[in-house]
Protein backbone atom coordinates (compact mmCIF):
# COMPACT_ATOMS: atom_id res chain seq x y z
CA UNK A 1 -12.50 -6.98 25.52
CA UNK A 2 -10.98 -10.36 25.03
CA UNK A 3 -7.72 -11.05 23.26
CA UNK A 4 -9.54 -12.88 20.47
CA UNK A 5 -11.62 -9.81 19.64
CA UNK A 6 -8.58 -7.55 19.64
CA UNK A 7 -6.75 -9.79 17.18
CA UNK A 8 -9.73 -9.75 14.82
CA UNK A 9 -9.92 -5.95 14.72
CA UNK A 10 -6.17 -5.53 14.31
CA UNK A 11 -6.19 -8.02 11.44
CA UNK A 12 -9.15 -6.27 9.83
CA UNK A 13 -7.42 -2.88 10.14
CA UNK A 14 -4.24 -4.31 8.58
CA UNK A 15 -6.18 -5.64 5.61
CA UNK A 16 -8.04 -2.35 5.16
CA UNK A 17 -4.85 -0.26 5.28
CA UNK A 18 -3.23 -2.72 2.87
CA UNK A 19 -6.04 -2.32 0.34
CA UNK A 20 -5.92 1.47 0.66
CA UNK A 21 -2.13 1.46 0.11
CA UNK A 22 -2.50 -0.76 -2.96
CA UNK A 23 -5.14 1.54 -4.45
CA UNK A 24 -3.13 4.71 -3.79
CA UNK A 25 0.09 3.11 -5.03
CA UNK A 26 -1.57 1.90 -8.24
CA UNK A 27 -3.07 5.34 -8.92
CA UNK A 28 0.29 6.99 -8.28
CA UNK A 29 2.05 4.52 -10.56
CA UNK A 30 -0.49 5.12 -13.33
CA UNK A 31 -0.20 8.91 -13.17
CA UNK A 32 3.58 8.71 -12.92
CA UNK A 33 3.78 6.47 -16.00
CA UNK A 34 1.42 8.65 -18.04
CA UNK A 35 3.00 12.01 -17.17
CA UNK A 36 6.74 11.38 -17.27
CA UNK A 37 7.34 14.40 -19.50
CA UNK A 38 5.74 16.74 -16.96
CA UNK A 39 7.53 15.24 -13.96
CA UNK A 40 10.93 15.23 -15.62
CA UNK A 41 13.61 14.04 -13.23
CA UNK A 42 11.11 13.32 -10.49
CA UNK A 43 9.39 10.52 -12.43
CA UNK A 44 11.89 7.95 -11.13
CA UNK A 45 11.34 9.17 -7.56
CA UNK A 46 7.55 8.92 -7.78
CA UNK A 47 7.74 5.60 -9.60
CA UNK A 48 9.86 4.06 -6.85
CA UNK A 49 7.66 5.62 -4.17
CA UNK A 50 4.52 4.13 -5.70
CA UNK A 51 6.15 0.70 -6.06
CA UNK A 52 7.14 0.81 -2.39
CA UNK A 53 3.53 1.62 -1.46
CA UNK A 54 2.29 -1.29 -3.57
CA UNK A 55 4.77 -3.70 -1.97
CA UNK A 56 3.84 -2.58 1.56
CA UNK A 57 0.13 -2.94 0.75
CA UNK A 58 0.63 -6.45 -0.62
CA UNK A 59 2.72 -7.32 2.44
CA UNK A 60 -0.07 -6.16 4.76
CA UNK A 61 -2.60 -8.30 2.89
CA UNK A 62 -0.48 -11.46 2.88
CA UNK A 63 1.03 -11.46 6.39
CA UNK A 64 -1.03 -12.87 9.24
CA UNK A 65 -0.72 -11.42 12.76
CA UNK A 66 0.61 -13.71 15.48
CA UNK A 67 -2.10 -15.50 17.41
């Protein structure tokens, strides 16, 4: 395969993984925010973890691979 085709598929995979991370991070953040009484002390841990997933997903959507 040519280099141009490889770059396209890598970029497409990055975008797809970024969208999946954003969806999972948003769902985690929602359930963490709505069930803080059940999680207790772990609510801060899961909140930070879901924010990190959201940030990484947004980063993967915004950044362009080198050409």
